[in-house]
Amino acid sequence: MKEQLYTIPVNDAFRSDCECPVCTLYRELEQNAIEYTLGPSYMEDDNRAMTDRLGFCQQHIQMLYRQKNRLGLALMLKTHTDKTIRDLKELSKSKPSSGGLFKRNTETSPVGSYIRELEGHCFICERITDTFQRYMDTIFHLWKKDPAFREAVAGCKGFCTYHYGLLYETGADKLDKTQYGEFLDCLNTVYFAGMERVNEDIEWFINKYDYRYANEPWKNSKDAIPRGILKTNHSFVEED
């Protein structure tokens, strides 16, 4: 079929030698967003205003810290903390009402609301979200239109549990009843085959620490732990 918007990265991910093609798509978006955030864009007023307002989640601030541009990160942190201090000083002037001895106060304070709002957002997460959703749409578009893509899904190494669930539920809205039934058959087959394969590799890794297996080959178990973590935790990124 003729390549359309987003079909190239989706096809490439599903034909790659990875434990979860959807994780591969997400990590590529994530890395692009990290590089964008610490690239020349951090000097632009619009981007700085967004990072000041949204901040970063725990995972992405750690990824930013591991990059080489410490000055760029420091500049963003400085203006973000400037805004946080300024906003919270103003909000903290409004005292929450006291509930009394036997009265439970259920009213949310301005300070609490502000912090919960801040904790619920991340500049990088929000930059990724729209394109990732288009990737998901492309997966189901290709499933409906491209027999070669169906073969790629059937031949992949499976998915992490999180993205297995995401594909399982999203497919119900994107495919008709017949298409969805066929998709689930394929999805379940490759997911459980992949999980059981990695599970066996983990078991063999454990066995290698038993003296009875000391002279046995490692087979495919040397990297069983990072692969097992990826299968069970889609956000895992192995350290270099």
Protein backbone atom coordinates (compact mmCIF):
# COMPACT_ATOMS: atom_id res chain seq x y z
CA MET A 1 0.00 0.00 0.00
CA LYS A 2 1.07 3.60 -0.45
CA GLU A 3 2.81 4.97 2.64
CA GLN A 4 0.69 7.55 4.44
CA LEU A 5 1.31 9.82 7.40
CA TYR A 6 2.74 7.78 10.34
CA THR A 7 2.64 4.46 8.49
CA ILE A 8 6.42 4.45 8.07
CA PRO A 9 7.35 4.60 11.80
CA VAL A 10 4.55 2.17 12.70
CA ASN A 11 5.62 -0.35 10.05
CA ASP A 12 9.26 0.03 11.07
CA ALA A 13 8.45 -0.58 14.74
CA PHE A 14 6.42 -3.72 14.05
CA ARG A 15 9.17 -5.11 11.84
CA SER A 16 11.93 -4.38 14.35
CA ASP A 17 13.49 -6.94 16.69
CA CYS A 18 11.93 -5.61 19.90
CA GLU A 19 9.80 -6.92 22.76
CA CYS A 20 7.03 -4.34 22.24
CA PRO A 21 6.60 -2.30 19.03
CA VAL A 22 4.34 0.19 20.80
CA CYS A 23 7.03 0.82 23.43
CA THR A 24 9.46 1.43 20.56
CA LEU A 25 7.12 4.02 19.05
CA TYR A 26 6.62 5.70 22.42
CA ARG A 27 10.32 5.80 23.29
CA GLU A 28 11.16 7.38 19.93
CA LEU A 29 8.61 10.12 20.58
CA GLU A 30 9.91 10.49 24.12
CA GLN A 31 13.53 10.86 23.02
CA ASN A 32 12.56 13.39 20.34
CA ALA A 33 10.66 15.38 22.98
CA ILE A 34 13.64 15.29 25.36
CA GLU A 35 15.98 16.53 22.64
CA TYR A 36 13.50 19.22 21.60
CA THR A 37 13.08 20.41 25.19
CA LEU A 38 16.82 20.83 25.73
CA GLY A 39 17.54 22.04 22.21
CA PRO A 40 17.42 25.66 21.02
CA SER A 41 13.68 25.64 21.79
CA TYR A 42 14.28 26.17 25.52
CA MET A 43 15.23 29.77 24.76
CA GLU A 44 11.90 30.48 23.04
CA ASP A 45 9.42 32.43 25.16
CA ASP A 46 6.42 30.26 24.23
CA ASN A 47 8.17 27.03 25.23
CA ARG A 48 9.56 28.54 28.42
CA ALA A 49 6.06 29.69 29.38
CA MET A 50 4.78 26.13 28.85
CA THR A 51 7.55 24.49 30.88
CA ASP A 52 7.05 27.11 33.62
CA ARG A 53 3.35 26.26 33.80
CA LEU A 54 3.45 22.46 33.33
CA GLY A 55 6.78 21.39 34.79
CA PHE A 56 7.90 17.76 34.32
CA CYS A 57 6.92 14.38 35.72
CA GLN A 58 9.43 12.39 37.77
CA GLN A 59 10.47 10.12 34.90
CA HIS A 60 11.07 12.92 32.43
CA ILE A 61 12.93 15.25 34.78
CA GLN A 62 15.32 12.35 35.41
CA MET A 63 15.76 11.83 31.67
CA LEU A 64 16.42 15.54 31.19
CA TYR A 65 19.01 15.46 33.97
CA ARG A 66 20.88 12.63 32.22
CA GLN A 67 21.32 14.79 29.10
CA LYS A 68 24.40 16.96 28.53
CA ASN A 69 22.66 20.35 28.50
CA ARG A 70 22.70 21.11 32.23
CA LEU A 71 22.61 24.87 31.59
CA GLY A 72 19.40 24.56 29.58
CA LEU A 73 17.82 22.47 32.33
CA ALA A 74 18.96 24.96 34.98
CA LEU A 75 17.41 27.86 33.07
CA MET A 76 14.08 26.03 32.80
CA LEU A 77 14.16 25.04 36.47
CA LYS A 78 14.93 28.62 37.49
CA THR A 79 11.97 30.19 35.72
CA HIS A 80 9.68 27.28 36.71
CA THR A 81 10.56 27.65 40.39
CA ASP A 82 10.26 31.45 40.11
CA LYS A 83 6.67 30.98 38.90
CA THR A 84 5.88 28.31 41.50
CA ILE A 85 7.14 30.49 44.36
CA ARG A 86 5.28 33.54 43.07
CA ASP A 87 2.00 31.68 42.55
CA LEU A 88 2.06 29.79 45.84
CA LYS A 89 2.98 32.86 47.87
CA GLU A 90 -0.13 34.54 46.51
CA LEU A 91 -2.37 31.50 46.98
CA SER A 92 -1.08 30.82 50.50
CA LYS A 93 -2.51 34.16 51.63
CA SER A 94 -5.96 32.58 51.40
CA LYS A 95 -6.32 30.44 54.52
CA PRO A 96 -8.43 27.25 54.26
CA SER A 97 -11.51 27.26 56.46
CA SER A 98 -11.28 25.28 59.68
CA GLY A 99 -13.71 22.45 60.13
CA GLY A 100 -14.03 22.56 63.91
CA LEU A 101 -13.48 19.66 66.29
CA PHE A 102 -16.10 17.21 64.92
CA LYS A 103 -16.57 18.65 61.44
CA ARG A 104 -14.53 17.26 58.60
CA ASN A 105 -13.38 19.91 56.15
CA THR A 106 -13.81 18.65 52.57
CA GLU A 107 -13.12 21.97 50.86
CA THR A 108 -10.03 21.97 48.63
CA SER A 109 -7.59 24.74 49.40
CA PRO A 110 -6.18 26.92 46.59
CA VAL A 111 -2.69 25.73 47.50
CA GLY A 112 -3.72 22.06 47.35
CA SER A 113 -5.54 22.55 44.05
CA TYR A 114 -2.54 24.32 42.51
CA ILE A 115 -0.09 21.59 43.54
CA ARG A 116 -2.37 18.76 42.40
CA GLU A 117 -2.77 20.50 39.04
CA LEU A 118 0.99 20.89 38.77
CA GLU A 119 1.61 17.23 39.66
CA GLY A 120 -0.88 16.11 37.03
CA HIS A 121 0.94 17.68 34.08
CA CYS A 122 4.26 17.32 32.29
CA PHE A 123 5.54 19.31 29.31
CA ILE A 124 7.07 16.23 27.69
CA CYS A 125 4.11 13.90 28.34
CA GLU A 126 1.74 16.41 26.76
CA ARG A 127 4.05 16.93 23.79
CA ILE A 128 4.03 13.16 23.16
CA THR A 129 0.30 12.49 23.64
CA ASP A 130 -1.17 13.75 20.35
CA THR A 131 1.32 12.02 18.07
CA PHE A 132 1.14 8.79 20.07
CA GLN A 133 -2.64 8.75 19.64
CA ARG A 134 -2.15 9.13 15.88
CA TYR A 135 0.22 6.18 15.98
CA MET A 136 -2.50 4.13 17.64
CA ASP A 137 -4.99 5.20 14.97
CA THR A 138 -2.46 4.22 12.30
CA ILE A 139 -2.04 0.74 13.80
CA PHE A 140 -5.75 0.02 13.38
CA HIS A 141 -5.91 1.70 9.97
CA LEU A 142 -3.13 -0.59 8.76
CA TRP A 143 -4.75 -3.63 10.35
CA LYS A 144 -7.90 -2.96 8.33
CA LYS A 145 -6.18 -2.08 5.04
CA ASP A 146 -2.81 -3.81 4.79
CA PRO A 147 -2.43 -7.64 4.84
CA ALA A 148 1.37 -7.25 5.09
CA PHE A 149 0.95 -5.31 8.33
CA ARG A 150 -1.22 -8.08 9.76
CA GLU A 151 1.63 -10.46 9.03
CA ALA A 152 4.05 -8.10 10.79
CA VAL A 153 1.84 -8.04 13.89
CA ALA A 154 1.54 -11.82 13.87
CA GLY A 155 5.32 -12.13 13.52
CA CYS A 156 6.35 -9.65 16.22
CA LYS A 157 7.70 -10.63 19.64
CA GLY A 158 4.56 -9.48 21.42
CA PHE A 159 3.85 -6.50 23.66
CA CYS A 160 4.35 -5.24 27.18
CA THR A 161 1.33 -5.80 29.41
CA TYR A 162 0.35 -2.12 29.44
CA HIS A 163 0.27 -1.79 25.65
CA TYR A 164 -1.38 -5.20 25.28
CA GLY A 165 -4.23 -3.79 27.38
CA LEU A 166 -4.26 -0.53 25.44
CA LEU A 167 -4.50 -2.33 22.10
CA TYR A 168 -7.07 -4.78 23.50
CA GLU A 169 -9.42 -1.99 24.60
CA THR A 170 -8.79 0.55 21.83
CA GLY A 171 -9.46 -2.02 19.12
CA ALA A 172 -13.07 -2.34 20.26
CA ASP A 173 -13.67 1.27 19.20
CA LYS A 174 -11.57 1.23 16.03
CA LEU A 175 -12.65 -2.05 14.37
CA ASP A 176 -15.93 -3.66 13.47
CA LYS A 177 -16.98 -6.87 15.22
CA THR A 178 -15.38 -9.25 12.71
CA GLN A 179 -12.16 -7.24 12.43
CA TYR A 180 -11.94 -6.95 16.21
CA GLY A 181 -12.35 -10.69 16.71
CA GLU A 182 -9.55 -11.39 14.24
CA PHE A 183 -7.38 -8.74 15.85
CA LEU A 184 -7.89 -10.18 19.34
CA ASP A 185 -6.98 -13.68 18.16
CA CYS A 186 -3.69 -12.36 16.81
CA LEU A 187 -3.05 -10.01 19.74
CA ASN A 188 -3.62 -12.71 22.36
CA THR A 189 -1.45 -15.20 20.49
CA VAL A 190 1.59 -12.94 20.17
CA TYR A 191 1.23 -11.40 23.65
CA PHE A 192 1.09 -14.69 25.54
CA ALA A 193 3.76 -16.31 23.35
CA GLY A 194 6.07 -13.37 24.04
CA MET A 195 5.38 -13.34 27.78
CA GLU A 196 5.92 -17.10 28.09
CA ARG A 197 9.15 -16.93 26.06
CA VAL A 198 10.59 -14.20 28.30
CA ASN A 199 9.31 -15.98 31.39
CA GLU A 200 11.22 -19.10 30.36
CA ASP A 201 14.36 -17.02 29.78
CA ILE A 202 14.03 -15.55 33.30
CA GLU A 203 13.63 -19.05 34.71
CA TRP A 204 16.79 -20.18 32.93
CA PHE A 205 18.65 -17.08 34.19
CA ILE A 206 17.69 -18.13 37.74
CA ASN A 207 18.75 -21.73 37.07
CA LYS A 208 22.21 -20.55 36.02
CA TYR A 209 22.83 -19.50 39.63
CA ASP A 210 22.28 -23.10 40.70
CA TYR A 211 25.57 -25.07 40.71
CA ARG A 212 23.85 -27.91 38.86
CA TYR A 213 23.54 -25.68 35.78
CA ALA A 214 26.95 -24.01 36.05
CA ASN A 215 28.30 -25.68 32.92
CA GLU A 216 25.13 -25.22 30.88
CA PRO A 217 24.93 -22.48 28.21
CA TRP A 218 23.15 -19.22 29.03
CA LYS A 219 20.92 -19.63 25.96
CA ASN A 220 18.86 -16.39 25.60
CA SER A 221 18.79 -15.56 29.28
CA LYS A 222 21.66 -13.07 29.75
CA ASP A 223 19.38 -10.08 29.07
CA ALA A 224 16.26 -11.72 30.51
CA ILE A 225 15.92 -9.22 33.37
CA PRO A 226 15.67 -6.00 31.28
CA ARG A 227 13.39 -7.77 28.81
CA GLY A 228 11.24 -9.04 31.64
CA ILE A 229 11.02 -5.58 33.17
CA LEU A 230 10.04 -4.11 29.81
CA LYS A 231 7.29 -6.70 29.41
CA THR A 232 5.85 -5.80 32.81
CA ASN A 233 6.70 -2.09 32.98
CA HIS A 234 6.44 -0.20 29.69
CA SER A 235 8.23 2.90 31.02
CA PHE A 236 11.46 1.02 31.73
CA VAL A 237 14.55 2.29 29.92
CA GLU A 238 17.73 0.26 30.38
CA GLU A 239 20.71 2.29 31.52
CA ASP A 240 23.69 2.50 29.18
